[in-house]
Amino acid sequence: MNTPNWRMPIETDPHERIYMAFPPLGELFGDTHEEALPARTAWSAVANATAQFLPVEMVVSPGDHDVARAMLSSEIRLHEAPLNEAWMRDIGPTFVVSDDGRLGAVDWRFNGWGQQPSSWAHDEKIAAFIAELAGVELVPSDLVNEGGGIHVDGRGTVFLTDTVQLDRFRNPEWSRVQIEHELTRTIGARNFIWFHRGLYRDALPGATRGHIDILAVPSDDSTVLLHRQTDPSHPDFHLYEECRAVLDEARTIDGEPWRVLDLPAPKRLRDEETWVDHSYVNHLVTNGAVIACTYADPNDEVALAVLAEAYPGREIVGIDARNIFRYGGGIHCITQQLPRV
């Protein structure tokens, strides 16, 4: 059998289902259900809202089945497997389609966002577990990468950051050219738009070091939604200018300039720890809907209006994401779509 030409669809294409993972007890979410309840409530809110539009399937650690069942819609199917954390976008596979309509699941190497791989023994196996659940071909890759580190337009353009794929704790022996070749092989990329870095807080110890999915996202093959911090006191204020310079120089797959829609950052600048990385860019686009992050912030309505402009005809569903971001990510980070073919 010939090696298929794989292509990663844009997220606005139809989906068959959404996969998620229920927050397990442990280092990140707490050792008891009471400690993990804020996370579990937030994850469940996203799952239950999404399940109104298409099937949702949830991976649950052994021992958490009953509590998950009580918090989730009865329509959501549960699958038991050990988990370290619950960021399905990153620990799960990246789904791709072949020229002849077959589905594949790229199994990136996962080492805990550039940390020590021994700490993520369970999460390393989730991509293959999900591929088996979906009944699709596994596409192994030696590249250390996460789903939140790439965004695509479905026609060959991929958006990514130097600080993730070129991270010396992820891929110390890979050159930019080698990484691009591997992304061509696995997701069909041929137009590469590299941003230098991501948001400030996302570069702090324990974070992703700059995932693209809280910074910029193509809403179609000619439009990019870009995070914009308008307060000069925030460390991300100058990042917008850097990113606009990249996009002004970049071109679509058709050789045209990109249309850029600004998504303003929330007005809240800090939480109890440091500068926030709250972002409206981090949303899930799925069948007939956009499941969007909100923050009980004055800019919520502004951002939701921009999303409505970017995704005409879809219902915009805002979900309070503060108790997702407090653990290190947003709605896009906790979901992974299976394309419909």
C-alpha atoms as a PDB file:
ATOM      1  CA  MET A   1       0.000   0.000   0.000  1.00  0.00           C
ATOM      2  CA  ASN A   2       1.333   3.454  -0.909  1.00  0.00           C
ATOM      3  CA  THR A   3       2.092   5.888   1.882  1.00  0.00           C
ATOM      4  CA  PRO A   4      -0.896   8.246   2.029  1.00  0.00           C
ATOM      5  CA  ASN A   5      -0.629  11.995   1.637  1.00  0.00           C
ATOM      6  CA  TRP A   6      -2.046  13.278   4.911  1.00  0.00           C
ATOM      7  CA  ARG A   7      -3.754  16.633   5.367  1.00  0.00           C
ATOM      8  CA  MET A   8      -4.929  18.278   8.571  1.00  0.00           C
ATOM      9  CA  PRO A   9      -8.350  19.885   7.994  1.00  0.00           C
ATOM     10  CA  ILE A  10      -9.178  23.370   9.215  1.00  0.00           C
ATOM     11  CA  GLU A  11     -11.269  23.255  12.381  1.00  0.00           C
ATOM     12  CA  THR A  12     -14.259  24.838  10.660  1.00  0.00           C
ATOM     13  CA  ASP A  13     -14.747  21.633   8.622  1.00  0.00           C
ATOM     14  CA  PRO A  14     -17.451  19.241   9.908  1.00  0.00           C
ATOM     15  CA  HIS A  15     -16.633  17.049  12.900  1.00  0.00           C
ATOM     16  CA  GLU A  16     -17.738  13.542  13.784  1.00  0.00           C
ATOM     17  CA  ARG A  17     -17.170  13.950  17.534  1.00  0.00           C
ATOM     18  CA  ILE A  18     -15.099  15.713  20.167  1.00  0.00           C
ATOM     19  CA  TYR A  19     -12.725  13.963  22.565  1.00  0.00           C
ATOM     20  CA  MET A  20     -11.919  15.274  26.039  1.00  0.00           C
ATOM     21  CA  ALA A  21     -10.311  14.053  29.274  1.00  0.00           C
ATOM     22  CA  PHE A  22     -11.797  14.411  32.763  1.00  0.00           C
ATOM     23  CA  PRO A  23      -9.425  16.123  35.240  1.00  0.00           C
ATOM     24  CA  PRO A  24      -7.767  13.372  37.305  1.00  0.00           C
ATOM     25  CA  LEU A  25      -6.658  13.649  40.894  1.00  0.00           C
ATOM     26  CA  GLY A  26      -2.987  14.416  41.342  1.00  0.00           C
ATOM     27  CA  GLU A  27      -0.400  17.162  41.282  1.00  0.00           C
ATOM     28  CA  LEU A  28      -2.199  19.685  39.064  1.00  0.00           C
ATOM     29  CA  PHE A  29      -5.844  19.432  40.080  1.00  0.00           C
ATOM     30  CA  GLY A  30      -5.544  18.289  43.708  1.00  0.00           C
ATOM     31  CA  ASP A  31      -5.629  15.049  45.629  1.00  0.00           C
ATOM     32  CA  THR A  32      -9.345  15.046  46.469  1.00  0.00           C
ATOM     33  CA  HIS A  33     -12.538  15.534  44.499  1.00  0.00           C
ATOM     34  CA  GLU A  34     -13.231  18.702  46.498  1.00  0.00           C
ATOM     35  CA  GLU A  35      -9.873  20.157  45.458  1.00  0.00           C
ATOM     36  CA  ALA A  36     -10.415  19.135  41.827  1.00  0.00           C
ATOM     37  CA  LEU A  37     -14.025  20.344  41.747  1.00  0.00           C
ATOM     38  CA  PRO A  38     -13.340  23.777  40.167  1.00  0.00           C
ATOM     39  CA  ALA A  39     -11.550  22.110  37.251  1.00  0.00           C
ATOM     40  CA  ARG A  40     -14.045  19.287  36.932  1.00  0.00           C
ATOM     41  CA  THR A  41     -16.943  21.744  36.935  1.00  0.00           C
ATOM     42  CA  ALA A  42     -15.327  23.869  34.221  1.00  0.00           C
ATOM     43  CA  TRP A  43     -14.395  20.884  32.023  1.00  0.00           C
ATOM     44  CA  SER A  44     -17.917  19.484  32.443  1.00  0.00           C
ATOM     45  CA  ALA A  45     -19.485  22.802  31.428  1.00  0.00           C
ATOM     46  CA  VAL A  46     -17.519  22.734  28.164  1.00  0.00           C
ATOM     47  CA  ALA A  47     -18.376  19.086  27.515  1.00  0.00           C
ATOM     48  CA  ASN A  48     -22.090  19.522  28.250  1.00  0.00           C
ATOM     49  CA  ALA A  49     -22.351  22.632  26.057  1.00  0.00           C
ATOM     50  CA  THR A  50     -20.488  20.960  23.189  1.00  0.00           C
ATOM     51  CA  ALA A  51     -22.643  17.822  23.440  1.00  0.00           C
ATOM     52  CA  GLN A  52     -25.631  19.898  22.345  1.00  0.00           C
ATOM     53  CA  PHE A  53     -24.066  20.123  18.889  1.00  0.00           C
ATOM     54  CA  LEU A  54     -22.320  16.768  18.328  1.00  0.00           C
ATOM     55  CA  PRO A  55     -21.215  13.653  20.237  1.00  0.00           C
ATOM     56  CA  VAL A  56     -18.607  14.090  22.973  1.00  0.00           C
ATOM     57  CA  GLU A  57     -16.485  11.256  24.369  1.00  0.00           C
ATOM     58  CA  MET A  58     -14.575  11.627  27.638  1.00  0.00           C
ATOM     59  CA  VAL A  59     -11.512   9.723  28.843  1.00  0.00           C
ATOM     60  CA  VAL A  60     -11.762   9.158  32.595  1.00  0.00           C
ATOM     61  CA  SER A  61      -9.142   7.834  34.995  1.00  0.00           C
ATOM     62  CA  PRO A  62     -10.052   4.557  36.720  1.00  0.00           C
ATOM     63  CA  GLY A  63     -11.875   5.421  39.906  1.00  0.00           C
ATOM     64  CA  ASP A  64     -13.362   8.654  38.547  1.00  0.00           C
ATOM     65  CA  HIS A  65     -16.111   7.049  36.461  1.00  0.00           C
ATOM     66  CA  ASP A  66     -18.965   7.602  38.906  1.00  0.00           C
ATOM     67  CA  VAL A  67     -18.174  11.237  39.689  1.00  0.00           C
ATOM     68  CA  ALA A  68     -17.708  12.000  35.982  1.00  0.00           C
ATOM     69  CA  ARG A  69     -20.984  10.285  35.133  1.00  0.00           C
ATOM     70  CA  ALA A  70     -22.773  12.434  37.713  1.00  0.00           C
ATOM     71  CA  MET A  71     -21.345  15.698  36.309  1.00  0.00           C
ATOM     72  CA  LEU A  72     -21.687  14.990  32.602  1.00  0.00           C
ATOM     73  CA  SER A  73     -24.635  14.746  30.258  1.00  0.00           C
ATOM     74  CA  SER A  74     -25.930  11.216  29.851  1.00  0.00           C
ATOM     75  CA  GLU A  75     -25.226  11.542  26.119  1.00  0.00           C
ATOM     76  CA  ILE A  76     -21.455  11.760  26.725  1.00  0.00           C
ATOM     77  CA  ARG A  77     -19.676   8.403  26.447  1.00  0.00           C
ATOM     78  CA  LEU A  78     -16.962   7.608  28.991  1.00  0.00           C
ATOM     79  CA  HIS A  79     -13.802   5.569  28.381  1.00  0.00           C
ATOM     80  CA  GLU A  80     -11.450   4.578  31.203  1.00  0.00           C
ATOM     81  CA  ALA A  81      -7.689   5.043  30.891  1.00  0.00           C
ATOM     82  CA  PRO A  82      -5.027   6.339  33.319  1.00  0.00           C
ATOM     83  CA  LEU A  83      -4.329  10.081  32.996  1.00  0.00           C
ATOM     84  CA  ASN A  84      -1.687  12.453  34.329  1.00  0.00           C
ATOM     85  CA  GLU A  85      -3.538  15.611  33.241  1.00  0.00           C
ATOM     86  CA  ALA A  86      -6.494  16.550  31.065  1.00  0.00           C
ATOM     87  CA  TRP A  87      -5.274  18.638  28.113  1.00  0.00           C
ATOM     88  CA  MET A  88      -6.686  16.486  25.316  1.00  0.00           C
ATOM     89  CA  ARG A  89      -5.526  18.871  22.574  1.00  0.00           C
ATOM     90  CA  ASP A  90      -1.929  18.160  23.589  1.00  0.00           C
ATOM     91  CA  ILE A  91      -1.910  14.578  24.842  1.00  0.00           C
ATOM     92  CA  GLY A  92      -4.347  13.289  22.252  1.00  0.00           C
ATOM     93  CA  PRO A  93      -3.654  12.735  18.537  1.00  0.00           C
ATOM     94  CA  THR A  94      -3.872  15.269  15.745  1.00  0.00           C
ATOM     95  CA  PHE A  95      -6.377  13.896  13.244  1.00  0.00           C
ATOM     96  CA  VAL A  96      -5.618  14.013   9.542  1.00  0.00           C
ATOM     97  CA  VAL A  97      -7.294  12.807   6.336  1.00  0.00           C
ATOM     98  CA  SER A  98      -5.753  11.166   3.285  1.00  0.00           C
ATOM     99  CA  ASP A  99      -6.300  11.904  -0.386  1.00  0.00           C
ATOM    100  CA  ASP A 100      -8.596   8.891  -0.623  1.00  0.00           C
ATOM    101  CA  GLY A 101     -10.678   9.877   2.408  1.00  0.00           C
ATOM    102  CA  ARG A 102      -9.115   7.739   5.125  1.00  0.00           C
ATOM    103  CA  LEU A 103      -8.614   9.090   8.634  1.00  0.00           C
ATOM    104  CA  GLY A 104      -5.282   9.084  10.440  1.00  0.00           C
ATOM    105  CA  ALA A 105      -4.159  10.123  13.915  1.00  0.00           C
ATOM    106  CA  VAL A 106      -0.718  11.688  14.292  1.00  0.00           C
ATOM    107  CA  ASP A 107       0.930  10.472  17.489  1.00  0.00           C
ATOM    108  CA  TRP A 108       3.458  13.183  18.308  1.00  0.00           C
ATOM    109  CA  ARG A 109       6.094  12.473  20.906  1.00  0.00           C
ATOM    110  CA  PHE A 110       4.913  14.010  24.178  1.00  0.00           C
ATOM    111  CA  ASN A 111       7.320  14.929  26.963  1.00  0.00           C
ATOM    112  CA  GLY A 112       5.238  17.237  29.098  1.00  0.00           C
ATOM    113  CA  TRP A 113       5.687  20.473  27.126  1.00  0.00           C
ATOM    114  CA  GLY A 114       9.450  20.183  27.158  1.00  0.00           C
ATOM    115  CA  GLN A 115       9.725  18.677  30.632  1.00  0.00           C
ATOM    116  CA  GLN A 116      10.970  15.241  31.692  1.00  0.00           C
ATOM    117  CA  PRO A 117       9.078  12.448  29.877  1.00  0.00           C
ATOM    118  CA  SER A 118       9.021  10.144  32.921  1.00  0.00           C
ATOM    119  CA  SER A 119       6.428  12.412  34.537  1.00  0.00           C
ATOM    120  CA  TRP A 120       3.902  11.802  31.749  1.00  0.00           C
ATOM    121  CA  ALA A 121       3.845   8.017  31.459  1.00  0.00           C
ATOM    122  CA  HIS A 122       0.041   7.862  31.213  1.00  0.00           C
ATOM    123  CA  ASP A 123      -0.459  10.863  28.932  1.00  0.00           C
ATOM    124  CA  GLU A 124       2.124   9.568  26.449  1.00  0.00           C
ATOM    125  CA  LYS A 125      -0.244   6.686  25.659  1.00  0.00           C
ATOM    126  CA  ILE A 126      -3.457   8.663  25.186  1.00  0.00           C
ATOM    127  CA  ALA A 127      -2.952   9.492  21.495  1.00  0.00           C
ATOM    128  CA  ALA A 128      -2.741   5.807  20.571  1.00  0.00           C
ATOM    129  CA  PHE A 129      -5.679   5.059  22.894  1.00  0.00           C
ATOM    130  CA  ILE A 130      -7.853   7.676  21.158  1.00  0.00           C
ATOM    131  CA  ALA A 131      -6.778   6.477  17.706  1.00  0.00           C
ATOM    132  CA  GLU A 132      -7.913   2.980  18.621  1.00  0.00           C
ATOM    133  CA  LEU A 133     -11.235   4.284  19.956  1.00  0.00           C
ATOM    134  CA  ALA A 134     -11.777   6.184  16.718  1.00  0.00           C
ATOM    135  CA  GLY A 135     -10.754   3.176  14.629  1.00  0.00           C
ATOM    136  CA  VAL A 136      -8.261   5.170  12.557  1.00  0.00           C
ATOM    137  CA  GLU A 137      -4.720   4.603  11.331  1.00  0.00           C
ATOM    138  CA  LEU A 138      -1.961   5.683  13.728  1.00  0.00           C
ATOM    139  CA  VAL A 139       0.644   7.988  12.163  1.00  0.00           C
ATOM    140  CA  PRO A 140       3.743   7.889  14.411  1.00  0.00           C
ATOM    141  CA  SER A 141       6.063  10.892  14.571  1.00  0.00           C
ATOM    142  CA  ASP A 142       9.391  11.448  16.296  1.00  0.00           C
ATOM    143  CA  LEU A 143       8.711  15.179  16.587  1.00  0.00           C
ATOM    144  CA  VAL A 144       7.964  16.427  20.101  1.00  0.00           C
ATOM    145  CA  ASN A 145       4.872  18.519  19.507  1.00  0.00           C
ATOM    146  CA  GLU A 146       1.397  19.168  20.879  1.00  0.00           C
ATOM    147  CA  GLY A 147      -1.915  19.906  19.212  1.00  0.00           C
ATOM    148  CA  GLY A 148      -2.026  23.339  20.821  1.00  0.00           C
ATOM    149  CA  GLY A 149       1.280  24.166  19.159  1.00  0.00           C
ATOM    150  CA  ILE A 150      -0.126  24.188  15.608  1.00  0.00           C
ATOM    151  CA  HIS A 151      -3.042  25.771  13.764  1.00  0.00           C
ATOM    152  CA  VAL A 152      -3.834  25.164  10.100  1.00  0.00           C
ATOM    153  CA  ASP A 153      -5.988  26.643   7.356  1.00  0.00           C
ATOM    154  CA  GLY A 154      -6.739  23.220   5.849  1.00  0.00           C
ATOM    155  CA  ARG A 155      -5.008  24.076   2.572  1.00  0.00           C
ATOM    156  CA  GLY A 156      -1.386  23.666   3.609  1.00  0.00           C
ATOM    157  CA  THR A 157      -0.693  26.676   5.838  1.00  0.00           C
ATOM    158  CA  VAL A 158       0.452  25.992   9.396  1.00  0.00           C
ATOM    159  CA  PHE A 159       0.936  28.581  12.140  1.00  0.00           C
ATOM    160  CA  LEU A 160       3.503  27.788  14.842  1.00  0.00           C
ATOM    161  CA  THR A 161       6.088  29.342  17.177  1.00  0.00           C
ATOM    162  CA  ASP A 162       9.875  29.145  17.429  1.00  0.00           C
ATOM    163  CA  THR A 163       9.663  28.675  21.190  1.00  0.00           C
ATOM    164  CA  VAL A 164       7.641  25.451  20.907  1.00  0.00           C
ATOM    165  CA  GLN A 165       8.794  23.341  17.967  1.00  0.00           C
ATOM    166  CA  LEU A 166      12.389  24.686  18.113  1.00  0.00           C
ATOM    167  CA  ASP A 167      12.493  24.432  21.908  1.00  0.00           C
ATOM    168  CA  ARG A 168      15.795  22.841  23.021  1.00  0.00           C
ATOM    169  CA  PHE A 169      13.882  20.842  25.633  1.00  0.00           C
ATOM    170  CA  ARG A 170      11.605  19.402  22.939  1.00  0.00           C
ATOM    171  CA  ASN A 171      13.589  18.994  19.739  1.00  0.00           C
ATOM    172  CA  PRO A 172      17.231  19.898  20.425  1.00  0.00           C
ATOM    173  CA  GLU A 173      18.583  18.094  17.365  1.00  0.00           C
ATOM    174  CA  TRP A 174      15.958  19.244  14.861  1.00  0.00           C
ATOM    175  CA  SER A 175      16.504  22.140  12.469  1.00  0.00           C
ATOM    176  CA  ARG A 176      13.697  24.354  11.210  1.00  0.00           C
ATOM    177  CA  VAL A 177      13.936  22.626   7.822  1.00  0.00           C
ATOM    178  CA  GLN A 178      13.659  19.173   9.410  1.00  0.00           C
ATOM    179  CA  ILE A 179      10.623  20.248  11.426  1.00  0.00           C
ATOM    180  CA  GLU A 180       8.954  21.639   8.319  1.00  0.00           C
ATOM    181  CA  HIS A 181       9.613  18.410   6.425  1.00  0.00           C
ATOM    182  CA  GLU A 182       8.035  16.381   9.236  1.00  0.00           C
ATOM    183  CA  LEU A 183       4.988  18.650   9.294  1.00  0.00           C
ATOM    184  CA  THR A 184       4.680  18.206   5.540  1.00  0.00           C
ATOM    185  CA  ARG A 185       4.749  14.421   5.980  1.00  0.00           C
ATOM    186  CA  THR A 186       2.291  14.293   8.873  1.00  0.00           C
ATOM    187  CA  ILE A 187      -0.213  17.133   8.344  1.00  0.00           C
ATOM    188  CA  GLY A 188       0.387  18.208   4.732  1.00  0.00           C
ATOM    189  CA  ALA A 189       1.921  21.588   5.595  1.00  0.00           C
ATOM    190  CA  ARG A 190       3.657  23.524   2.803  1.00  0.00           C
ATOM    191  CA  ASN A 191       3.219  27.161   3.862  1.00  0.00           C
ATOM    192  CA  PHE A 192       4.883  27.846   7.230  1.00  0.00           C
ATOM    193  CA  ILE A 193       4.151  30.956   9.293  1.00  0.00           C
ATOM    194  CA  TRP A 194       6.494  31.123  12.282  1.00  0.00           C
ATOM    195  CA  PHE A 195       5.836  33.490  15.157  1.00  0.00           C
ATOM    196  CA  HIS A 196       8.811  33.950  17.447  1.00  0.00           C
ATOM    197  CA  ARG A 197       6.997  33.507  20.764  1.00  0.00           C
ATOM    198  CA  GLY A 198       3.664  33.230  22.518  1.00  0.00           C
ATOM    199  CA  LEU A 199       2.102  35.013  25.476  1.00  0.00           C
ATOM    200  CA  TYR A 200       4.179  36.058  28.477  1.00  0.00           C
ATOM    201  CA  ARG A 201       2.564  33.811  31.072  1.00  0.00           C
ATOM    202  CA  ASP A 202       2.692  30.855  28.719  1.00  0.00           C
ATOM    203  CA  ALA A 203       6.492  31.146  28.799  1.00  0.00           C
ATOM    204  CA  LEU A 204       6.799  30.854  32.581  1.00  0.00           C
ATOM    205  CA  PRO A 205       8.000  27.613  34.243  1.00  0.00           C
ATOM    206  CA  GLY A 206       5.434  24.829  33.932  1.00  0.00           C
ATOM    207  CA  ALA A 207       3.667  26.378  30.919  1.00  0.00           C
ATOM    208  CA  THR A 208       3.829  25.428  27.226  1.00  0.00           C
ATOM    209  CA  ARG A 209       6.543  27.958  26.256  1.00  0.00           C
ATOM    210  CA  GLY A 210       4.346  29.611  23.658  1.00  0.00           C
ATOM    211  CA  HIS A 211       1.443  27.658  22.172  1.00  0.00           C
ATOM    212  CA  ILE A 212      -0.083  29.212  19.080  1.00  0.00           C
ATOM    213  CA  ASP A 213      -3.653  28.396  20.139  1.00  0.00           C
ATOM    214  CA  ILE A 214      -3.875  31.287  22.593  1.00  0.00           C
ATOM    215  CA  LEU A 215      -2.159  33.709  20.218  1.00  0.00           C
ATOM    216  CA  ALA A 216      -3.498  33.342  16.663  1.00  0.00           C
ATOM    217  CA  VAL A 217      -5.951  31.166  14.742  1.00  0.00           C
ATOM    218  CA  PRO A 218      -7.098  31.103  11.095  1.00  0.00           C
ATOM    219  CA  SER A 219     -10.873  31.341  10.877  1.00  0.00           C
ATOM    220  CA  ASP A 220     -10.680  30.531   7.152  1.00  0.00           C
ATOM    221  CA  ASP A 221      -7.945  30.283   4.523  1.00  0.00           C
ATOM    222  CA  SER A 222      -7.530  34.063   4.287  1.00  0.00           C
ATOM    223  CA  THR A 223      -8.358  35.412   7.780  1.00  0.00           C
ATOM    224  CA  VAL A 224      -6.431  35.258  11.054  1.00  0.00           C
ATOM    225  CA  LEU A 225      -7.793  36.088  14.494  1.00  0.00           C
ATOM    226  CA  LEU A 226      -4.991  37.655  16.565  1.00  0.00           C
ATOM    227  CA  HIS A 227      -4.772  38.242  20.321  1.00  0.00           C
ATOM    228  CA  ARG A 228      -4.295  41.932  21.101  1.00  0.00           C
ATOM    229  CA  GLN A 229      -3.320  43.276  24.507  1.00  0.00           C
ATOM    230  CA  THR A 230      -4.136  47.000  24.551  1.00  0.00           C
ATOM    231  CA  ASP A 231      -2.849  47.889  28.026  1.00  0.00           C
ATOM    232  CA  PRO A 232       0.773  49.126  27.873  1.00  0.00           C
ATOM    233  CA  SER A 233       1.467  47.861  31.402  1.00  0.00           C
ATOM    234  CA  HIS A 234       0.969  44.210  30.383  1.00  0.00           C
ATOM    235  CA  PRO A 235       4.048  42.301  29.129  1.00  0.00           C
ATOM    236  CA  ASP A 236       2.102  41.172  26.044  1.00  0.00           C
ATOM    237  CA  PHE A 237       1.466  44.735  24.860  1.00  0.00           C
ATOM    238  CA  HIS A 238       4.351  44.758  22.353  1.00  0.00           C
ATOM    239  CA  LEU A 239       3.752  41.177  21.250  1.00  0.00           C
ATOM    240  CA  TYR A 240       0.900  42.317  19.021  1.00  0.00           C
ATOM    241  CA  GLU A 241       3.246  44.483  16.948  1.00  0.00           C
ATOM    242  CA  GLU A 242       5.668  41.573  16.550  1.00  0.00           C
ATOM    243  CA  CYS A 243       2.894  39.273  15.369  1.00  0.00           C
ATOM    244  CA  ARG A 244       1.407  41.833  12.995  1.00  0.00           C
ATOM    245  CA  ALA A 245       4.841  42.238  11.413  1.00  0.00           C
ATOM    246  CA  VAL A 246       4.958  38.474  10.807  1.00  0.00           C
ATOM    247  CA  LEU A 247       1.448  38.412   9.341  1.00  0.00           C
ATOM    248  CA  ASP A 248       2.044  41.492   7.182  1.00  0.00           C
ATOM    249  CA  GLU A 249       4.967  39.703   5.557  1.00  0.00           C
ATOM    250  CA  ALA A 250       3.257  36.295   5.337  1.00  0.00           C
ATOM    251  CA  ARG A 251       0.959  35.235   2.499  1.00  0.00           C
ATOM    252  CA  THR A 252      -1.922  32.816   2.120  1.00  0.00           C
ATOM    253  CA  ILE A 253      -1.554  29.637   0.115  1.00  0.00           C
ATOM    254  CA  ASP A 254      -2.840  31.682  -2.850  1.00  0.00           C
ATOM    255  CA  GLY A 255      -0.163  34.334  -2.380  1.00  0.00           C
ATOM    256  CA  GLU A 256      -2.528  36.966  -0.972  1.00  0.00           C
ATOM    257  CA  PRO A 257      -2.095  39.081   2.196  1.00  0.00           C
ATOM    258  CA  TRP A 258      -3.835  37.816   5.302  1.00  0.00           C
ATOM    259  CA  ARG A 259      -6.871  39.639   6.634  1.00  0.00           C
ATOM    260  CA  VAL A 260      -6.353  40.148  10.383  1.00  0.00           C
ATOM    261  CA  LEU A 261      -9.170  40.456  12.912  1.00  0.00           C
ATOM    262  CA  ASP A 262      -8.084  41.645  16.353  1.00  0.00           C
ATOM    263  CA  LEU A 263      -9.417  39.788  19.378  1.00  0.00           C
ATOM    264  CA  PRO A 264      -8.912  42.137  22.331  1.00  0.00           C
ATOM    265  CA  ALA A 265      -7.516  40.675  25.515  1.00  0.00           C
ATOM    266  CA  PRO A 266      -9.768  40.840  28.580  1.00  0.00           C
ATOM    267  CA  LYS A 267      -9.418  44.034  30.579  1.00  0.00           C
ATOM    268  CA  ARG A 268      -8.348  42.079  33.639  1.00  0.00           C
ATOM    269  CA  LEU A 269      -4.552  42.088  33.678  1.00  0.00           C
ATOM    270  CA  ARG A 270      -3.516  40.010  36.689  1.00  0.00           C
ATOM    271  CA  ASP A 271      -4.703  37.236  38.960  1.00  0.00           C
ATOM    272  CA  GLU A 272      -3.414  36.178  42.373  1.00  0.00           C
ATOM    273  CA  GLU A 273      -0.198  34.857  40.772  1.00  0.00           C
ATOM    274  CA  THR A 274       0.947  37.117  37.927  1.00  0.00           C
ATOM    275  CA  TRP A 275      -0.081  38.621  34.583  1.00  0.00           C
ATOM    276  CA  VAL A 276      -2.939  36.635  33.035  1.00  0.00           C
ATOM    277  CA  ASP A 277      -2.795  34.947  29.637  1.00  0.00           C
ATOM    278  CA  HIS A 278      -6.582  34.942  29.263  1.00  0.00           C
ATOM    279  CA  SER A 279      -7.340  34.841  25.552  1.00  0.00           C
ATOM    280  CA  TYR A 280     -10.429  34.705  23.360  1.00  0.00           C
ATOM    281  CA  VAL A 281      -8.329  33.119  20.585  1.00  0.00           C
ATOM    282  CA  ASN A 282      -8.514  29.837  22.499  1.00  0.00           C
ATOM    283  CA  HIS A 283     -11.947  28.618  21.341  1.00  0.00           C
ATOM    284  CA  LEU A 284     -13.401  25.460  19.813  1.00  0.00           C
ATOM    285  CA  VAL A 285     -15.080  25.762  16.414  1.00  0.00           C
ATOM    286  CA  THR A 286     -17.374  22.808  15.795  1.00  0.00           C
ATOM    287  CA  ASN A 287     -20.597  21.823  14.065  1.00  0.00           C
ATOM    288  CA  GLY A 288     -22.814  24.892  14.014  1.00  0.00           C
ATOM    289  CA  ALA A 289     -21.159  26.482  17.022  1.00  0.00           C
ATOM    290  CA  VAL A 290     -18.173  28.234  18.541  1.00  0.00           C
ATOM    291  CA  ILE A 291     -17.531  27.239  22.168  1.00  0.00           C
ATOM    292  CA  ALA A 292     -15.764  30.356  23.399  1.00  0.00           C
ATOM    293  CA  CYS A 293     -13.898  31.390  26.538  1.00  0.00           C
ATOM    294  CA  THR A 294     -15.388  34.140  28.680  1.00  0.00           C
ATOM    295  CA  TYR A 295     -14.013  35.650  31.883  1.00  0.00           C
ATOM    296  CA  ALA A 296     -16.819  37.741  33.449  1.00  0.00           C
ATOM    297  CA  ASP A 297     -14.980  40.625  31.814  1.00  0.00           C
ATOM    298  CA  PRO A 298     -16.169  43.787  30.054  1.00  0.00           C
ATOM    299  CA  ASN A 299     -14.470  42.631  26.852  1.00  0.00           C
ATOM    300  CA  ASP A 300     -16.405  39.353  26.721  1.00  0.00           C
ATOM    301  CA  GLU A 301     -19.165  40.820  24.578  1.00  0.00           C
ATOM    302  CA  VAL A 302     -16.683  42.615  22.318  1.00  0.00           C
ATOM    303  CA  ALA A 303     -14.787  39.389  21.681  1.00  0.00           C
ATOM    304  CA  LEU A 304     -17.924  37.328  21.141  1.00  0.00           C
ATOM    305  CA  ALA A 305     -19.026  39.847  18.507  1.00  0.00           C
ATOM    306  CA  VAL A 306     -15.695  39.451  16.688  1.00  0.00           C
ATOM    307  CA  LEU A 307     -16.113  35.674  16.783  1.00  0.00           C
ATOM    308  CA  ALA A 308     -19.617  36.028  15.336  1.00  0.00           C
ATOM    309  CA  GLU A 309     -18.149  38.072  12.484  1.00  0.00           C
ATOM    310  CA  ALA A 310     -15.372  35.533  11.907  1.00  0.00           C
ATOM    311  CA  TYR A 311     -17.696  32.510  11.960  1.00  0.00           C
ATOM    312  CA  PRO A 312     -20.988  33.633  10.372  1.00  0.00           C
ATOM    313  CA  GLY A 313     -23.921  31.289  10.810  1.00  0.00           C
ATOM    314  CA  ARG A 314     -22.575  29.593  13.935  1.00  0.00           C
ATOM    315  CA  GLU A 315     -24.007  29.906  17.406  1.00  0.00           C
ATOM    316  CA  ILE A 316     -21.500  31.588  19.731  1.00  0.00           C
ATOM    317  CA  VAL A 317     -21.598  29.879  23.142  1.00  0.00           C
ATOM    318  CA  GLY A 318     -19.608  31.566  25.897  1.00  0.00           C
ATOM    319  CA  ILE A 319     -18.334  29.425  28.791  1.00  0.00           C
ATOM    320  CA  ASP A 320     -16.556  30.851  31.844  1.00  0.00           C
ATOM    321  CA  ALA A 321     -12.971  29.664  31.334  1.00  0.00           C
ATOM    322  CA  ARG A 322     -11.332  31.183  34.413  1.00  0.00           C
ATOM    323  CA  ASN A 323     -11.186  27.790  36.126  1.00  0.00           C
ATOM    324  CA  ILE A 324      -9.574  26.303  33.033  1.00  0.00           C
ATOM    325  CA  PHE A 325      -6.941  28.989  32.590  1.00  0.00           C
ATOM    326  CA  ARG A 326      -6.003  28.863  36.277  1.00  0.00           C
ATOM    327  CA  TYR A 327      -4.534  25.429  35.505  1.00  0.00           C
ATOM    328  CA  GLY A 328      -2.753  26.495  32.323  1.00  0.00           C
ATOM    329  CA  GLY A 329      -5.037  26.510  29.278  1.00  0.00           C
ATOM    330  CA  GLY A 330      -8.429  27.138  27.748  1.00  0.00           C
ATOM    331  CA  ILE A 331     -11.329  25.523  25.906  1.00  0.00           C
ATOM    332  CA  HIS A 332      -9.325  24.706  22.783  1.00  0.00           C
ATOM    333  CA  CYS A 333      -6.658  23.063  24.953  1.00  0.00           C
ATOM    334  CA  ILE A 334      -9.083  20.589  26.537  1.00  0.00           C
ATOM    335  CA  THR A 335     -10.844  19.462  23.341  1.00  0.00           C
ATOM    336  CA  GLN A 336      -9.837  17.549  20.209  1.00  0.00           C
ATOM    337  CA  GLN A 337     -12.027  17.138  17.132  1.00  0.00           C
ATOM    338  CA  LEU A 338     -12.384  14.041  14.972  1.00  0.00           C
ATOM    339  CA  PRO A 339     -13.063  15.202  11.386  1.00  0.00           C
ATOM    340  CA  ARG A 340     -16.051  13.877   9.492  1.00  0.00           C
ATOM    341  CA  VAL A 341     -15.099  12.250   6.197  1.00  0.00           C
END
